[in-house]
């Protein structure tokens, strides 16, 4: 199926790499106009060039955890796209945070880099979706926003908080034509994930363990997450809001 997002205009935070870029690519393939943002401009330039010249993709560097940056990026996206009806927030940070030896500073870093983008993107963009009369906000959370995991108190706390925010924002906007949902992926073999695994003593064993931790014993694929995001942005999902949707191979039901 093609053209499911014809006429849609999407601003994608964290869109330079990984899941965010995969979502932008899937939306673009279905007809959406795209504006990317992430911290690093050279990464954005390379990502935008990958879409080709027939349907140019806009971009602007910014930190999605800083209000002034998000406000600026939102305005630039509005000018480039001529309006806005889709916001994707795929910006965040993780790390090992055991309760007994994690510094407050490291805990705060993970909280800020996950919760602030999930708040600021909708905070500065949602009114434009309301003005458009319809819209979809999609926040990339995690399967660890649905369950707990040892030594991840910061990340689990942030992603559980993200899912709670999504439910609250969905209620704020439900009668205004704007839907808000979270995607909760399992382990996806992004370039960053593979780089982190490569630093382990036995990378192959760690990678295989991460694949097999899902009930469906493999890693998730970027295109699978992109497909779910396309659905949530499309008119086919017009009755779906306030949901934290797992795409985790059954991990969270164990």
Protein backbone atom coordinates (compact mmCIF):
# COMPACT_ATOMS: atom_id res chain seq x y z
CA UNK A 1 0.00 0.00 0.00
CA UNK A 2 1.26 3.49 -0.83
CA UNK A 3 0.04 7.02 -0.29
CA UNK A 4 -1.35 6.40 3.19
CA UNK A 5 0.19 9.67 4.37
CA UNK A 6 -0.36 11.83 1.30
CA UNK A 7 -0.67 15.44 2.43
CA UNK A 8 0.71 14.78 5.92
CA UNK A 9 3.48 17.00 7.28
CA UNK A 10 5.75 15.41 9.88
CA UNK A 11 8.36 16.87 12.24
CA UNK A 12 10.65 14.11 13.50
CA UNK A 13 12.86 14.72 16.56
CA UNK A 14 15.78 12.32 16.72
CA UNK A 15 15.34 11.87 13.00
CA UNK A 16 18.99 11.80 11.97
CA UNK A 17 19.67 8.16 12.80
CA UNK A 18 18.20 4.91 14.06
CA UNK A 19 14.51 4.53 14.84
CA UNK A 20 13.72 8.19 14.19
CA UNK A 21 15.24 8.08 10.71
CA UNK A 22 13.51 4.77 9.97
CA UNK A 23 10.16 6.32 10.91
CA UNK A 24 10.87 9.38 8.75
CA UNK A 25 11.82 7.14 5.83
CA UNK A 26 8.66 5.03 6.19
CA UNK A 27 6.46 8.13 6.39
CA UNK A 28 8.17 9.72 3.42
CA UNK A 29 7.62 6.56 1.37
CA UNK A 30 3.89 6.85 2.14
CA UNK A 31 3.69 10.43 0.89
CA UNK A 32 4.41 12.58 3.95
CA UNK A 33 6.52 15.73 3.80
CA UNK A 34 9.33 15.46 6.37
CA UNK A 35 11.36 17.79 8.57
CA UNK A 36 14.16 16.23 10.64
CA UNK A 37 15.83 17.42 13.81
CA UNK A 38 18.60 16.10 16.03
CA UNK A 39 21.64 17.48 17.81
CA UNK A 40 24.25 17.02 15.06
CA UNK A 41 23.91 19.00 11.83
CA UNK A 42 26.33 16.88 9.73
CA UNK A 43 24.29 13.78 10.60
CA UNK A 44 21.10 15.58 9.57
CA UNK A 45 22.65 16.73 6.29
CA UNK A 46 23.59 13.16 5.43
CA UNK A 47 20.18 11.83 6.44
CA UNK A 48 18.28 14.45 4.45
CA UNK A 49 20.45 13.84 1.36
CA UNK A 50 19.49 10.18 1.49
CA UNK A 51 15.89 11.01 0.60
CA UNK A 52 16.90 12.35 -2.81
CA UNK A 53 16.05 15.58 -4.60
CA UNK A 54 12.63 14.66 -6.00
CA UNK A 55 10.96 15.26 -2.63
CA UNK A 56 13.31 17.34 -0.47
CA UNK A 57 13.45 16.86 3.28
CA UNK A 58 14.06 19.79 5.61
CA UNK A 59 16.17 19.72 8.74
CA UNK A 60 17.45 21.83 11.61
CA UNK A 61 19.86 20.94 14.40
CA UNK A 62 18.69 21.35 17.97
CA UNK A 63 18.60 19.73 21.38
CA UNK A 64 15.11 18.34 21.99
CA UNK A 65 15.58 18.68 25.75
CA UNK A 66 16.06 22.48 25.56
CA UNK A 67 12.90 24.63 25.27
CA UNK A 68 14.42 27.37 23.10
CA UNK A 69 15.78 24.82 20.62
CA UNK A 70 12.44 23.02 20.32
CA UNK A 71 10.54 26.28 19.87
CA UNK A 72 12.98 27.34 17.13
CA UNK A 73 12.89 23.97 15.35
CA UNK A 74 9.09 23.95 15.44
CA UNK A 75 8.93 27.33 13.72
CA UNK A 76 11.45 26.29 11.06
CA UNK A 77 9.49 23.10 10.40
CA UNK A 78 6.27 25.08 10.03
CA UNK A 79 7.86 27.34 7.43
CA UNK A 80 9.36 24.47 5.47
CA UNK A 81 6.30 22.22 5.56
CA UNK A 82 3.65 24.93 5.31
CA UNK A 83 1.92 23.56 8.39
CA UNK A 84 2.15 20.62 10.73
CA UNK A 85 -0.06 17.65 11.56
CA UNK A 86 2.37 14.95 12.73
CA UNK A 87 5.02 15.06 15.45
CA UNK A 88 7.39 12.19 16.17
CA UNK A 89 9.63 12.29 19.24
CA UNK A 90 12.43 9.72 19.02
CA UNK A 91 15.02 11.50 21.14
CA UNK A 92 16.34 10.00 24.36
CA UNK A 93 19.24 8.51 26.28
CA UNK A 94 19.91 5.36 28.27
CA UNK A 95 22.55 3.82 30.46
CA UNK A 96 23.21 1.38 33.27
CA UNK A 97 21.83 2.81 36.52
CA UNK A 98 21.89 0.36 39.47
CA UNK A 99 20.12 1.86 42.45
CA UNK A 100 23.00 1.52 44.89
CA UNK A 101 25.77 3.16 42.87
CA UNK A 102 24.16 5.53 40.36
CA UNK A 103 24.93 9.20 40.87
CA UNK A 104 22.04 11.66 41.05
CA UNK A 105 23.62 13.48 38.10
CA UNK A 106 23.52 10.39 35.87
CA UNK A 107 19.94 9.65 36.92
CA UNK A 108 18.96 13.24 36.11
CA UNK A 109 20.70 13.08 32.72
CA UNK A 110 18.62 10.09 31.67
CA UNK A 111 15.39 11.59 33.02
CA UNK A 112 15.99 14.93 31.28
CA UNK A 113 16.94 13.41 27.92
CA UNK A 114 13.84 11.23 27.81
CA UNK A 115 11.05 13.18 29.51
CA UNK A 116 11.87 16.68 28.31
CA UNK A 117 11.69 15.88 24.55
CA UNK A 118 8.44 13.95 25.13
CA UNK A 119 7.03 17.10 26.76
CA UNK A 120 8.62 19.87 24.70
CA UNK A 121 7.88 18.51 21.23
CA UNK A 122 4.12 18.37 21.90
CA UNK A 123 4.22 21.51 24.07
CA UNK A 124 5.42 23.71 21.21
CA UNK A 125 3.93 21.74 18.31
CA UNK A 126 0.52 20.50 19.41
CA UNK A 127 -1.25 23.84 19.03
CA UNK A 128 -0.42 23.78 15.32
CA UNK A 129 -1.98 20.33 15.05
CA UNK A 130 -5.06 21.67 16.84
CA UNK A 131 -5.18 24.57 14.36
CA UNK A 132 -4.98 22.06 11.50
CA UNK A 133 -8.04 20.33 12.96
CA UNK A 134 -6.37 16.93 13.21
CA UNK A 135 -3.03 15.40 14.00
CA UNK A 136 -0.98 12.60 15.46
CA UNK A 137 1.78 12.76 18.06
CA UNK A 138 3.96 9.65 18.29
CA UNK A 139 6.50 9.24 21.09
CA UNK A 140 9.08 6.48 20.89
CA UNK A 141 9.21 4.91 24.34
CA UNK A 142 10.47 1.39 25.14
CA UNK A 143 9.38 -2.04 26.30
CA UNK A 144 11.13 -0.95 29.53
CA UNK A 145 8.34 1.58 29.92
CA UNK A 146 6.05 -1.42 30.39
CA UNK A 147 8.16 -3.69 32.63
CA UNK A 148 11.13 -3.38 34.96
CA UNK A 149 14.74 -4.43 34.49
CA UNK A 150 17.57 -4.65 36.99
CA UNK A 151 20.17 -1.89 36.87
CA UNK A 152 17.98 0.38 34.75
CA UNK A 153 16.21 2.46 37.39
CA UNK A 154 16.79 5.68 35.44
CA UNK A 155 15.72 4.41 32.03
CA UNK A 156 12.76 2.40 33.32
CA UNK A 157 11.64 5.40 35.36
CA UNK A 158 11.95 7.72 32.36
CA UNK A 159 10.12 5.43 29.95
CA UNK A 160 7.33 4.58 32.41
CA UNK A 161 7.01 8.34 32.86
CA UNK A 162 6.92 8.83 29.10
CA UNK A 163 4.01 6.41 28.79
CA UNK A 164 2.16 8.20 31.57
CA UNK A 165 2.69 11.53 29.86
CA UNK A 166 1.36 10.11 26.59
CA UNK A 167 -1.85 8.99 28.30
CA UNK A 168 -2.32 12.40 29.93
CA UNK A 169 -1.56 14.35 26.74
CA UNK A 170 -3.98 12.12 24.84
CA UNK A 171 -6.77 13.16 27.21
CA UNK A 172 -5.82 16.84 26.91
CA UNK A 173 -6.10 16.68 23.11
CA UNK A 174 -8.72 13.99 22.41
CA UNK A 175 -11.59 16.43 21.85
CA UNK A 176 -9.40 18.64 19.64
CA UNK A 177 -8.78 16.12 16.87
CA UNK A 178 -5.23 15.27 17.95
CA UNK A 179 -4.16 11.75 18.94
CA UNK A 180 -1.15 10.87 21.12
CA UNK A 181 0.40 7.40 21.27
CA UNK A 182 3.66 5.75 22.30
CA UNK A 183 5.59 3.04 20.50
CA UNK A 184 7.43 0.67 22.86
CA UNK A 185 10.10 -1.22 20.90
CA UNK A 186 12.12 -4.17 22.06
CA UNK A 187 15.77 -4.54 21.08
CA UNK A 188 16.26 -3.05 17.62
CA UNK A 189 19.63 -3.48 15.91
CA UNK A 190 20.36 0.17 15.23
CA UNK A 191 23.90 1.35 14.53
CA UNK A 192 24.09 2.80 18.05
CA UNK A 193 22.84 -0.41 19.69
CA UNK A 194 25.41 -2.45 17.79
CA UNK A 195 28.16 0.00 18.74
CA UNK A 196 27.26 -0.36 22.43
CA UNK A 197 27.25 -4.15 22.13
CA UNK A 198 30.65 -4.08 20.40
CA UNK A 199 32.19 -2.71 23.61
CA UNK A 200 31.27 -5.84 25.58
CA UNK A 201 33.86 -8.52 26.38
CA UNK A 202 32.00 -11.01 24.17
CA UNK A 203 29.95 -8.95 21.70
CA UNK A 204 28.55 -11.91 19.78
CA UNK A 205 27.28 -13.62 22.93
CA UNK A 206 25.71 -10.40 24.20
CA UNK A 207 24.06 -9.72 20.83
CA UNK A 208 22.62 -13.22 20.66
CA UNK A 209 21.31 -12.91 24.23
CA UNK A 210 19.59 -9.63 23.36
CA UNK A 211 17.98 -11.24 20.34
CA UNK A 212 16.79 -14.28 22.25
CA UNK A 213 15.37 -12.36 25.23
CA UNK A 214 12.20 -11.82 23.19
CA UNK A 215 9.56 -14.54 23.03
CA UNK A 216 10.01 -14.29 19.26
CA UNK A 217 13.76 -14.99 19.42
CA UNK A 218 15.19 -12.24 17.24
CA UNK A 219 15.77 -8.52 17.25
CA UNK A 220 13.12 -6.16 15.96
CA UNK A 221 13.62 -4.52 12.59
CA UNK A 222 13.67 -0.80 11.90
CA UNK A 223 11.12 -1.16 9.11
CA UNK A 224 8.70 -2.85 11.53
CA UNK A 225 8.79 0.16 13.84
CA UNK A 226 8.42 2.46 10.83
CA UNK A 227 5.33 0.58 9.69
CA UNK A 228 3.68 0.97 13.10
CA UNK A 229 4.44 4.70 13.07
CA UNK A 230 2.90 5.04 9.60
CA UNK A 231 -0.27 3.41 10.87
CA UNK A 232 -0.47 5.70 13.92
CA UNK A 233 0.04 8.78 11.73
CA UNK A 234 -2.56 7.67 9.20
CA UNK A 235 -6.30 8.24 9.16
CA UNK A 236 -6.72 4.48 9.65
CA UNK A 237 -5.76 5.05 13.31
CA UNK A 238 -8.34 7.79 13.86
CA UNK A 239 -9.82 5.98 16.89
CA UNK A 240 -6.47 5.13 18.54
CA UNK A 241 -5.15 7.42 21.26
CA UNK A 242 -3.49 7.22 24.65
CA UNK A 243 -1.88 3.86 23.91
CA UNK A 244 1.59 2.52 24.69
CA UNK A 245 1.92 -0.08 21.96
CA UNK A 246 4.54 -2.79 22.43
CA UNK A 247 6.49 -3.95 19.40
CA UNK A 248 8.82 -6.19 21.35
CA UNK A 249 8.45 -9.76 20.17
CA UNK A 250 6.46 -10.63 23.28
CA UNK A 251 9.11 -9.51 25.80
CA UNK A 252 6.72 -7.51 27.96
CA UNK A 253 4.14 -10.31 28.34
CA UNK A 254 6.54 -12.76 29.98
